[in-house]
Amino acid sequence: MSKKAAVGLCGSLLTNLTAFLSGAWFDVSLIGGAFEKVAYALPFIHAVDLVRAIVAEDFSAIFPHLYVVIGYATVLFSLSIFVFKYKIQKN
């Protein structure tokens, strides 16, 4: 398998995994258990629920999901800055 094919396969698997964990295709509570706990620990389901609340104009339901999505974005953005600075100083 070539490197491009491996990257493409990995990308498609990650895309499908995030779609499963986001609840975009089905309600995650139907599976329940550990799958539901993992899904709610990640930002994907919160992003989908945020968009659903915006489309439904349910403004009281927007903010809990918005806080989670902004929190994940802030943490990952900060982490990427630190990793970038470390790599630049290392080289």
PDB file of N, CA and C in Angstrom:
ATOM      1  N   MET A   1       0.856  -1.174   0.000  1.00  0.00           N
ATOM      2  CA  MET A   1       0.000   0.000   0.000  1.00  0.00           C
ATOM      3  C   MET A   1       0.898   1.231   0.000  1.00  0.00           C
ATOM      4  N   SER A   2       0.584   2.155  -0.870  1.00  0.00           N
ATOM      5  CA  SER A   2       1.389   3.368  -0.945  1.00  0.00           C
ATOM      6  C   SER A   2       1.069   4.300   0.218  1.00  0.00           C
ATOM      7  N   LYS A   3       1.949   5.269   0.398  1.00  0.00           N
ATOM      8  CA  LYS A   3       1.777   6.211   1.505  1.00  0.00           C
ATOM      9  C   LYS A   3       0.506   7.054   1.313  1.00  0.00           C
ATOM     10  N   LYS A   4       0.229   7.449   0.079  1.00  0.00           N
ATOM     11  CA  LYS A   4      -0.971   8.247  -0.197  1.00  0.00           C
ATOM     12  C   LYS A   4      -2.241   7.448   0.080  1.00  0.00           C
ATOM     13  N   ALA A   5      -2.224   6.177  -0.285  1.00  0.00           N
ATOM     14  CA  ALA A   5      -3.396   5.334  -0.041  1.00  0.00           C
ATOM     15  C   ALA A   5      -3.609   5.125   1.457  1.00  0.00           C
ATOM     16  N   ALA A   6      -2.519   4.957   2.197  1.00  0.00           N
ATOM     17  CA  ALA A   6      -2.633   4.774   3.644  1.00  0.00           C
ATOM     18  C   ALA A   6      -3.180   6.021   4.311  1.00  0.00           C
ATOM     19  N   VAL A   7      -2.731   7.190   3.872  1.00  0.00           N
ATOM     20  CA  VAL A   7      -3.232   8.448   4.427  1.00  0.00           C
ATOM     21  C   VAL A   7      -4.707   8.623   4.085  1.00  0.00           C
ATOM     22  N   GLY A   8      -5.079   8.276   2.872  1.00  0.00           N
ATOM     23  CA  GLY A   8      -6.481   8.373   2.466  1.00  0.00           C
ATOM     24  C   GLY A   8      -7.375   7.435   3.254  1.00  0.00           C
ATOM     25  N   LEU A   9      -6.902   6.220   3.476  1.00  0.00           N
ATOM     26  CA  LEU A   9      -7.660   5.248   4.260  1.00  0.00           C
ATOM     27  C   LEU A   9      -7.814   5.718   5.699  1.00  0.00           C
ATOM     28  N   CYS A  10      -6.724   6.216   6.272  1.00  0.00           N
ATOM     29  CA  CYS A  10      -6.764   6.720   7.649  1.00  0.00           C
ATOM     30  C   CYS A  10      -7.729   7.906   7.756  1.00  0.00           C
ATOM     31  N   GLY A  11      -7.702   8.788   6.785  1.00  0.00           N
ATOM     32  CA  GLY A  11      -8.603   9.941   6.789  1.00  0.00           C
ATOM     33  C   GLY A  11     -10.060   9.534   6.691  1.00  0.00           C
ATOM     34  N   SER A  12     -10.348   8.566   5.841  1.00  0.00           N
ATOM     35  CA  SER A  12     -11.745   8.137   5.713  1.00  0.00           C
ATOM     36  C   SER A  12     -12.222   7.412   6.966  1.00  0.00           C
ATOM     37  N   LEU A  13     -11.345   6.627   7.593  1.00  0.00           N
ATOM     38  CA  LEU A  13     -11.728   5.957   8.837  1.00  0.00           C
ATOM     39  C   LEU A  13     -11.981   6.957   9.962  1.00  0.00           C
ATOM     40  N   LEU A  14     -11.133   7.975  10.062  1.00  0.00           N
ATOM     41  CA  LEU A  14     -11.335   8.996  11.091  1.00  0.00           C
ATOM     42  C   LEU A  14     -12.602   9.805  10.841  1.00  0.00           C
ATOM     43  N   THR A  15     -12.896  10.067   9.580  1.00  0.00           N
ATOM     44  CA  THR A  15     -14.115  10.806   9.246  1.00  0.00           C
ATOM     45  C   THR A  15     -15.346  10.005   9.648  1.00  0.00           C
ATOM     46  N   ASN A  16     -15.358   8.726   9.339  1.00  0.00           N
ATOM     47  CA  ASN A  16     -16.500   7.885   9.710  1.00  0.00           C
ATOM     48  C   ASN A  16     -16.604   7.714  11.216  1.00  0.00           C
ATOM     49  N   LEU A  17     -15.465   7.601  11.903  1.00  0.00           N
ATOM     50  CA  LEU A  17     -15.482   7.479  13.355  1.00  0.00           C
ATOM     51  C   LEU A  17     -16.068   8.726  14.002  1.00  0.00           C
ATOM     52  N   THR A  18     -15.666   9.898  13.541  1.00  0.00           N
ATOM     53  CA  THR A  18     -16.216  11.128  14.117  1.00  0.00           C
ATOM     54  C   THR A  18     -17.698  11.269  13.792  1.00  0.00           C
ATOM     55  N   ALA A  19     -18.116  10.802  12.624  1.00  0.00           N
ATOM     56  CA  ALA A  19     -19.540  10.852  12.286  1.00  0.00           C
ATOM     57  C   ALA A  19     -20.343   9.927  13.202  1.00  0.00           C
ATOM     58  N   PHE A  20     -19.813   8.736  13.495  1.00  0.00           N
ATOM     59  CA  PHE A  20     -20.494   7.829  14.428  1.00  0.00           C
ATOM     60  C   PHE A  20     -20.569   8.434  15.821  1.00  0.00           C
ATOM     61  N   LEU A  21     -19.485   9.045  16.266  1.00  0.00           N
ATOM     62  CA  LEU A  21     -19.443   9.613  17.616  1.00  0.00           C
ATOM     63  C   LEU A  21     -20.191  10.932  17.733  1.00  0.00           C
ATOM     64  N   SER A  22     -20.549  11.534  16.612  1.00  0.00           N
ATOM     65  CA  SER A  22     -21.228  12.825  16.671  1.00  0.00           C
ATOM     66  C   SER A  22     -22.740  12.700  16.800  1.00  0.00           C
ATOM     67  N   GLY A  23     -23.268  11.547  16.493  1.00  0.00           N
ATOM     68  CA  GLY A  23     -24.712  11.397  16.534  1.00  0.00           C
ATOM     69  C   GLY A  23     -25.396  12.020  15.335  1.00  0.00           C
ATOM     70  N   ALA A  24     -24.653  12.257  14.275  1.00  0.00           N
ATOM     71  CA  ALA A  24     -25.230  12.853  13.075  1.00  0.00           C
ATOM     72  C   ALA A  24     -26.089  11.857  12.305  1.00  0.00           C
ATOM     73  N   TRP A  25     -25.725  10.582  12.346  1.00  0.00           N
ATOM     74  CA  TRP A  25     -26.450   9.568  11.588  1.00  0.00           C
ATOM     75  C   TRP A  25     -27.501   8.857  12.405  1.00  0.00           C
ATOM     76  N   PHE A  26     -27.311   8.771  13.710  1.00  0.00           N
ATOM     77  CA  PHE A  26     -28.264   8.089  14.579  1.00  0.00           C
ATOM     78  C   PHE A  26     -28.123   8.653  15.985  1.00  0.00           C
ATOM     79  N   ASP A  27     -29.122   8.418  16.802  1.00  0.00           N
ATOM     80  CA  ASP A  27     -29.102   8.900  18.175  1.00  0.00           C
ATOM     81  C   ASP A  27     -28.172   8.015  19.004  1.00  0.00           C
ATOM     82  N   VAL A  28     -27.167   8.620  19.608  1.00  0.00           N
ATOM     83  CA  VAL A  28     -26.162   7.880  20.365  1.00  0.00           C
ATOM     84  C   VAL A  28     -26.779   7.188  21.582  1.00  0.00           C
ATOM     85  N   SER A  29     -27.849   7.724  22.102  1.00  0.00           N
ATOM     86  CA  SER A  29     -28.480   7.108  23.277  1.00  0.00           C
ATOM     87  C   SER A  29     -29.097   5.744  22.944  1.00  0.00           C
ATOM     88  N   LEU A  30     -29.287   5.438  21.666  1.00  0.00           N
ATOM     89  CA  LEU A  30     -29.800   4.121  21.287  1.00  0.00           C
ATOM     90  C   LEU A  30     -28.788   3.026  21.613  1.00  0.00           C
ATOM     91  N   ILE A  31     -27.500   3.343  21.513  1.00  0.00           N
ATOM     92  CA  ILE A  31     -26.461   2.370  21.843  1.00  0.00           C
ATOM     93  C   ILE A  31     -26.181   2.404  23.334  1.00  0.00           C
ATOM     94  N   GLY A  32     -26.033   3.614  23.871  1.00  0.00           N
ATOM     95  CA  GLY A  32     -25.830   3.788  25.305  1.00  0.00           C
ATOM     96  C   GLY A  32     -24.494   3.251  25.788  1.00  0.00           C
ATOM     97  N   GLY A  33     -24.402   3.068  27.079  1.00  0.00           N
ATOM     98  CA  GLY A  33     -23.214   2.488  27.692  1.00  0.00           C
ATOM     99  C   GLY A  33     -21.956   3.313  27.498  1.00  0.00           C
ATOM    100  N   ALA A  34     -20.857   2.602  27.306  1.00  0.00           N
ATOM    101  CA  ALA A  34     -19.548   3.240  27.161  1.00  0.00           C
ATOM    102  C   ALA A  34     -19.479   4.085  25.886  1.00  0.00           C
ATOM    103  N   PHE A  35     -20.150   3.623  24.825  1.00  0.00           N
ATOM    104  CA  PHE A  35     -20.136   4.379  23.562  1.00  0.00           C
ATOM    105  C   PHE A  35     -20.721   5.767  23.764  1.00  0.00           C
ATOM    106  N   GLU A  36     -21.820   5.847  24.480  1.00  0.00           N
ATOM    107  CA  GLU A  36     -22.454   7.144  24.734  1.00  0.00           C
ATOM    108  C   GLU A  36     -21.569   8.016  25.614  1.00  0.00           C
ATOM    109  N   LYS A  37     -20.917   7.429  26.608  1.00  0.00           N
ATOM    110  CA  LYS A  37     -20.027   8.204  27.478  1.00  0.00           C
ATOM    111  C   LYS A  37     -18.847   8.767  26.710  1.00  0.00           C
ATOM    112  N   VAL A  38     -18.264   7.948  25.834  1.00  0.00           N
ATOM    113  CA  VAL A  38     -17.145   8.419  25.009  1.00  0.00           C
ATOM    114  C   VAL A  38     -17.612   9.512  24.060  1.00  0.00           C
ATOM    115  N   ALA A  39     -18.783   9.334  23.469  1.00  0.00           N
ATOM    116  CA  ALA A  39     -19.298  10.327  22.529  1.00  0.00           C
ATOM    117  C   ALA A  39     -19.509  11.677  23.207  1.00  0.00           C
ATOM    118  N   TYR A  40     -20.026  11.676  24.430  1.00  0.00           N
ATOM    119  CA  TYR A  40     -20.251  12.940  25.128  1.00  0.00           C
ATOM    120  C   TYR A  40     -18.980  13.519  25.736  1.00  0.00           C
ATOM    121  N   ALA A  41     -17.917  12.726  25.825  1.00  0.00           N
ATOM    122  CA  ALA A  41     -16.637  13.250  26.307  1.00  0.00           C
ATOM    123  C   ALA A  41     -15.879  13.972  25.196  1.00  0.00           C
ATOM    124  N   LEU A  42     -16.239  13.723  23.944  1.00  0.00           N
ATOM    125  CA  LEU A  42     -15.595  14.360  22.795  1.00  0.00           C
ATOM    126  C   LEU A  42     -16.465  15.505  22.285  1.00  0.00           C
ATOM    127  N   PRO A  43     -15.897  16.411  21.504  1.00  0.00           N
ATOM    128  CA  PRO A  43     -16.664  17.595  21.094  1.00  0.00           C
ATOM    129  C   PRO A  43     -17.612  17.378  19.918  1.00  0.00           C
ATOM    130  N   PHE A  44     -17.544  16.242  19.234  1.00  0.00           N
ATOM    131  CA  PHE A  44     -18.298  16.073  17.998  1.00  0.00           C
ATOM    132  C   PHE A  44     -19.801  16.107  18.207  1.00  0.00           C
ATOM    133  N   ILE A  45     -20.287  15.382  19.198  1.00  0.00           N
ATOM    134  CA  ILE A  45     -21.726  15.347  19.448  1.00  0.00           C
ATOM    135  C   ILE A  45     -22.229  16.717  19.924  1.00  0.00           C
ATOM    136  N   HIS A  46     -21.373  17.428  20.642  1.00  0.00           N
ATOM    137  CA  HIS A  46     -21.754  18.772  21.101  1.00  0.00           C
ATOM    138  C   HIS A  46     -21.851  19.738  19.920  1.00  0.00           C
ATOM    139  N   ALA A  47     -20.975  19.588  18.940  1.00  0.00           N
ATOM    140  CA  ALA A  47     -21.039  20.444  17.751  1.00  0.00           C
ATOM    141  C   ALA A  47     -22.322  20.182  16.962  1.00  0.00           C
ATOM    142  N   VAL A  48     -22.691  18.919  16.824  1.00  0.00           N
ATOM    143  CA  VAL A  48     -23.920  18.573  16.099  1.00  0.00           C
ATOM    144  C   VAL A  48     -25.144  19.074  16.866  1.00  0.00           C
ATOM    145  N   ASP A  49     -25.171  18.879  18.179  1.00  0.00           N
ATOM    146  CA  ASP A  49     -26.293  19.363  18.988  1.00  0.00           C
ATOM    147  C   ASP A  49     -26.361  20.893  18.991  1.00  0.00           C
ATOM    148  N   LEU A  50     -25.209  21.545  18.931  1.00  0.00           N
ATOM    149  CA  LEU A  50     -25.171  23.008  18.843  1.00  0.00           C
ATOM    150  C   LEU A  50     -25.828  23.483  17.556  1.00  0.00           C
ATOM    151  N   VAL A  51     -25.484  22.865  16.445  1.00  0.00           N
ATOM    152  CA  VAL A  51     -26.080  23.248  15.158  1.00  0.00           C
ATOM    153  C   VAL A  51     -27.575  22.944  15.146  1.00  0.00           C
ATOM    154  N   ARG A  52     -27.970  21.822  15.720  1.00  0.00           N
ATOM    155  CA  ARG A  52     -29.404  21.492  15.780  1.00  0.00           C
ATOM    156  C   ARG A  52     -30.170  22.536  16.601  1.00  0.00           C
ATOM    157  N   ALA A  53     -29.581  22.994  17.700  1.00  0.00           N
ATOM    158  CA  ALA A  53     -30.232  24.011  18.531  1.00  0.00           C
ATOM    159  C   ALA A  53     -30.315  25.344  17.795  1.00  0.00           C
ATOM    160  N   ILE A  54     -29.292  25.683  17.026  1.00  0.00           N
ATOM    161  CA  ILE A  54     -29.311  26.932  16.258  1.00  0.00           C
ATOM    162  C   ILE A  54     -30.391  26.876  15.190  1.00  0.00           C
ATOM    163  N   VAL A  55     -30.464  25.770  14.468  1.00  0.00           N
ATOM    164  CA  VAL A  55     -31.469  25.624  13.408  1.00  0.00           C
ATOM    165  C   VAL A  55     -32.876  25.661  13.995  1.00  0.00           C
ATOM    166  N   ALA A  56     -33.067  25.061  15.166  1.00  0.00           N
ATOM    167  CA  ALA A  56     -34.381  25.038  15.817  1.00  0.00           C
ATOM    168  C   ALA A  56     -34.679  26.337  16.564  1.00  0.00           C
ATOM    169  N   GLU A  57     -33.698  27.259  16.585  1.00  0.00           N
ATOM    170  CA  GLU A  57     -33.815  28.535  17.302  1.00  0.00           C
ATOM    171  C   GLU A  57     -34.123  28.318  18.787  1.00  0.00           C
ATOM    172  N   ASP A  58     -33.557  27.277  19.349  1.00  0.00           N
ATOM    173  CA  ASP A  58     -33.680  26.982  20.777  1.00  0.00           C
ATOM    174  C   ASP A  58     -32.442  27.545  21.469  1.00  0.00           C
ATOM    175  N   PHE A  59     -32.480  28.830  21.763  1.00  0.00           N
ATOM    176  CA  PHE A  59     -31.291  29.534  22.224  1.00  0.00           C
ATOM    177  C   PHE A  59     -30.848  29.116  23.623  1.00  0.00           C
ATOM    178  N   SER A  60     -31.726  28.584  24.416  1.00  0.00           N
ATOM    179  CA  SER A  60     -31.314  28.117  25.744  1.00  0.00           C
ATOM    180  C   SER A  60     -30.486  26.839  25.658  1.00  0.00           C
ATOM    181  N   ALA A  61     -30.659  26.075  24.573  1.00  0.00           N
ATOM    182  CA  ALA A  61     -29.905  24.823  24.404  1.00  0.00           C
ATOM    183  C   ALA A  61     -28.559  25.047  23.716  1.00  0.00           C
ATOM    184  N   ILE A  62     -28.293  26.256  23.244  1.00  0.00           N
ATOM    185  CA  ILE A  62     -27.060  26.528  22.513  1.00  0.00           C
ATOM    186  C   ILE A  62     -25.850  26.570  23.434  1.00  0.00           C
ATOM    187  N   PHE A  63     -25.988  27.246  24.550  1.00  0.00           N
ATOM    188  CA  PHE A  63     -24.816  27.587  25.349  1.00  0.00           C
ATOM    189  C   PHE A  63     -24.089  26.417  25.999  1.00  0.00           C
ATOM    190  N   PRO A  64     -24.749  25.396  26.520  1.00  0.00           N
ATOM    191  CA  PRO A  64     -23.962  24.281  27.082  1.00  0.00           C
ATOM    192  C   PRO A  64     -23.048  23.626  26.038  1.00  0.00           C
ATOM    193  N   HIS A  65     -23.562  23.466  24.827  1.00  0.00           N
ATOM    194  CA  HIS A  65     -22.773  22.844  23.765  1.00  0.00           C
ATOM    195  C   HIS A  65     -21.708  23.808  23.242  1.00  0.00           C
ATOM    196  N   LEU A  66     -22.042  25.079  23.194  1.00  0.00           N
ATOM    197  CA  LEU A  66     -21.083  26.076  22.732  1.00  0.00           C
ATOM    198  C   LEU A  66     -19.875  26.143  23.657  1.00  0.00           C
ATOM    199  N   TYR A  67     -20.101  26.047  24.958  1.00  0.00           N
ATOM    200  CA  TYR A  67     -19.001  26.084  25.927  1.00  0.00           C
ATOM    201  C   TYR A  67     -18.061  24.893  25.739  1.00  0.00           C
ATOM    202  N   VAL A  68     -18.617  23.736  25.488  1.00  0.00           N
ATOM    203  CA  VAL A  68     -17.786  22.542  25.290  1.00  0.00           C
ATOM    204  C   VAL A  68     -16.953  22.675  24.019  1.00  0.00           C
ATOM    205  N   VAL A  69     -17.572  23.105  22.928  1.00  0.00           N
ATOM    206  CA  VAL A  69     -16.867  23.245  21.656  1.00  0.00           C
ATOM    207  C   VAL A  69     -15.780  24.313  21.759  1.00  0.00           C
ATOM    208  N   ILE A  70     -16.087  25.442  22.369  1.00  0.00           N
ATOM    209  CA  ILE A  70     -15.078  26.499  22.540  1.00  0.00           C
ATOM    210  C   ILE A  70     -13.970  26.022  23.473  1.00  0.00           C
ATOM    211  N   GLY A  71     -14.309  25.287  24.498  1.00  0.00           N
ATOM    212  CA  GLY A  71     -13.299  24.749  25.418  1.00  0.00           C
ATOM    213  C   GLY A  71     -12.324  23.824  24.709  1.00  0.00           C
ATOM    214  N   TYR A  72     -12.849  22.888  23.913  1.00  0.00           N
ATOM    215  CA  TYR A  72     -11.979  21.987  23.163  1.00  0.00           C
ATOM    216  C   TYR A  72     -11.114  22.764  22.185  1.00  0.00           C
ATOM    217  N   ALA A  73     -11.701  23.741  21.491  1.00  0.00           N
ATOM    218  CA  ALA A  73     -10.934  24.534  20.526  1.00  0.00           C
ATOM    219  C   ALA A  73      -9.813  25.302  21.214  1.00  0.00           C
ATOM    220  N   THR A  74     -10.094  25.874  22.369  1.00  0.00           N
ATOM    221  CA  THR A  74      -9.088  26.632  23.106  1.00  0.00           C
ATOM    222  C   THR A  74      -7.946  25.732  23.570  1.00  0.00           C
ATOM    223  N   VAL A  75      -8.281  24.586  24.125  1.00  0.00           N
ATOM    224  CA  VAL A  75      -7.253  23.660  24.612  1.00  0.00           C
ATOM    225  C   VAL A  75      -6.387  23.156  23.458  1.00  0.00           C
ATOM    226  N   LEU A  76      -7.006  22.736  22.365  1.00  0.00           N
ATOM    227  CA  LEU A  76      -6.234  22.212  21.241  1.00  0.00           C
ATOM    228  C   LEU A  76      -5.414  23.298  20.555  1.00  0.00           C
ATOM    229  N   PHE A  77      -5.944  24.504  20.475  1.00  0.00           N
ATOM    230  CA  PHE A  77      -5.199  25.617  19.882  1.00  0.00           C
ATOM    231  C   PHE A  77      -3.984  25.951  20.742  1.00  0.00           C
ATOM    232  N   SER A  78      -4.175  25.993  22.056  1.00  0.00           N
ATOM    233  CA  SER A  78      -3.053  26.269  22.962  1.00  0.00           C
ATOM    234  C   SER A  78      -2.005  25.164  22.889  1.00  0.00           C
ATOM    235  N   LEU A  79      -2.457  23.927  22.853  1.00  0.00           N
ATOM    236  CA  LEU A  79      -1.535  22.806  22.746  1.00  0.00           C
ATOM    237  C   LEU A  79      -0.735  22.872  21.444  1.00  0.00           C
ATOM    238  N   SER A  80      -1.382  23.243  20.365  1.00  0.00           N
ATOM    239  CA  SER A  80      -0.674  23.332  19.090  1.00  0.00           C
ATOM    240  C   SER A  80       0.369  24.444  19.113  1.00  0.00           C
ATOM    241  N   ILE A  81       0.094  25.536  19.809  1.00  0.00           N
ATOM    242  CA  ILE A  81       1.079  26.618  19.934  1.00  0.00           C
ATOM    243  C   ILE A  81       2.301  26.129  20.701  1.00  0.00           C
ATOM    244  N   PHE A  82       2.084  25.435  21.810  1.00  0.00           N
ATOM    245  CA  PHE A  82       3.205  24.931  22.602  1.00  0.00           C
ATOM    246  C   PHE A  82       4.037  23.903  21.838  1.00  0.00           C
ATOM    247  N   VAL A  83       3.375  23.016  21.105  1.00  0.00           N
ATOM    248  CA  VAL A  83       4.100  22.018  20.321  1.00  0.00           C
ATOM    249  C   VAL A  83       4.895  22.704  19.212  1.00  0.00           C
ATOM    250  N   PHE A  84       4.299  23.692  18.565  1.00  0.00           N
ATOM    251  CA  PHE A  84       4.992  24.425  17.509  1.00  0.00           C
ATOM    252  C   PHE A  84       6.221  25.141  18.061  1.00  0.00           C
ATOM    253  N   LYS A  85       6.071  25.818  19.196  1.00  0.00           N
ATOM    254  CA  LYS A  85       7.210  26.504  19.808  1.00  0.00           C
ATOM    255  C   LYS A  85       8.307  25.521  20.188  1.00  0.00           C
ATOM    256  N   TYR A  86       7.926  24.366  20.724  1.00  0.00           N
ATOM    257  CA  TYR A  86       8.902  23.349  21.100  1.00  0.00           C
ATOM    258  C   TYR A  86       9.676  22.851  19.882  1.00  0.00           C
ATOM    259  N   LYS A  87       8.948  22.580  18.785  1.00  0.00           N
ATOM    260  CA  LYS A  87       9.599  22.082  17.569  1.00  0.00           C
ATOM    261  C   LYS A  87      10.525  23.143  16.968  1.00  0.00           C
ATOM    262  N   ILE A  88      10.112  24.401  17.007  1.00  0.00           N
ATOM    263  CA  ILE A  88      10.957  25.470  16.469  1.00  0.00           C
ATOM    264  C   ILE A  88      12.214  25.606  17.305  1.00  0.00           C
ATOM    265  N   GLN A  89      12.098  25.577  18.612  1.00  0.00           N
ATOM    266  CA  GLN A  89      13.279  25.716  19.482  1.00  0.00           C
ATOM    267  C   GLN A  89      14.185  24.497  19.388  1.00  0.00           C
ATOM    268  N   LYS A  90      13.616  23.334  19.144  1.00  0.00           N
ATOM    269  CA  LYS A  90      14.401  22.106  19.024  1.00  0.00           C
ATOM    270  C   LYS A  90      15.269  22.136  17.772  1.00  0.00           C
ATOM    271  N   ASN A  91      14.726  22.678  16.705  1.00  0.00           N
ATOM    272  CA  ASN A  91      15.472  22.744  15.441  1.00  0.00           C
ATOM    273  C   ASN A  91      16.289  23.997  15.465  1.00  0.00           C
TER     274      ASN A  91
END
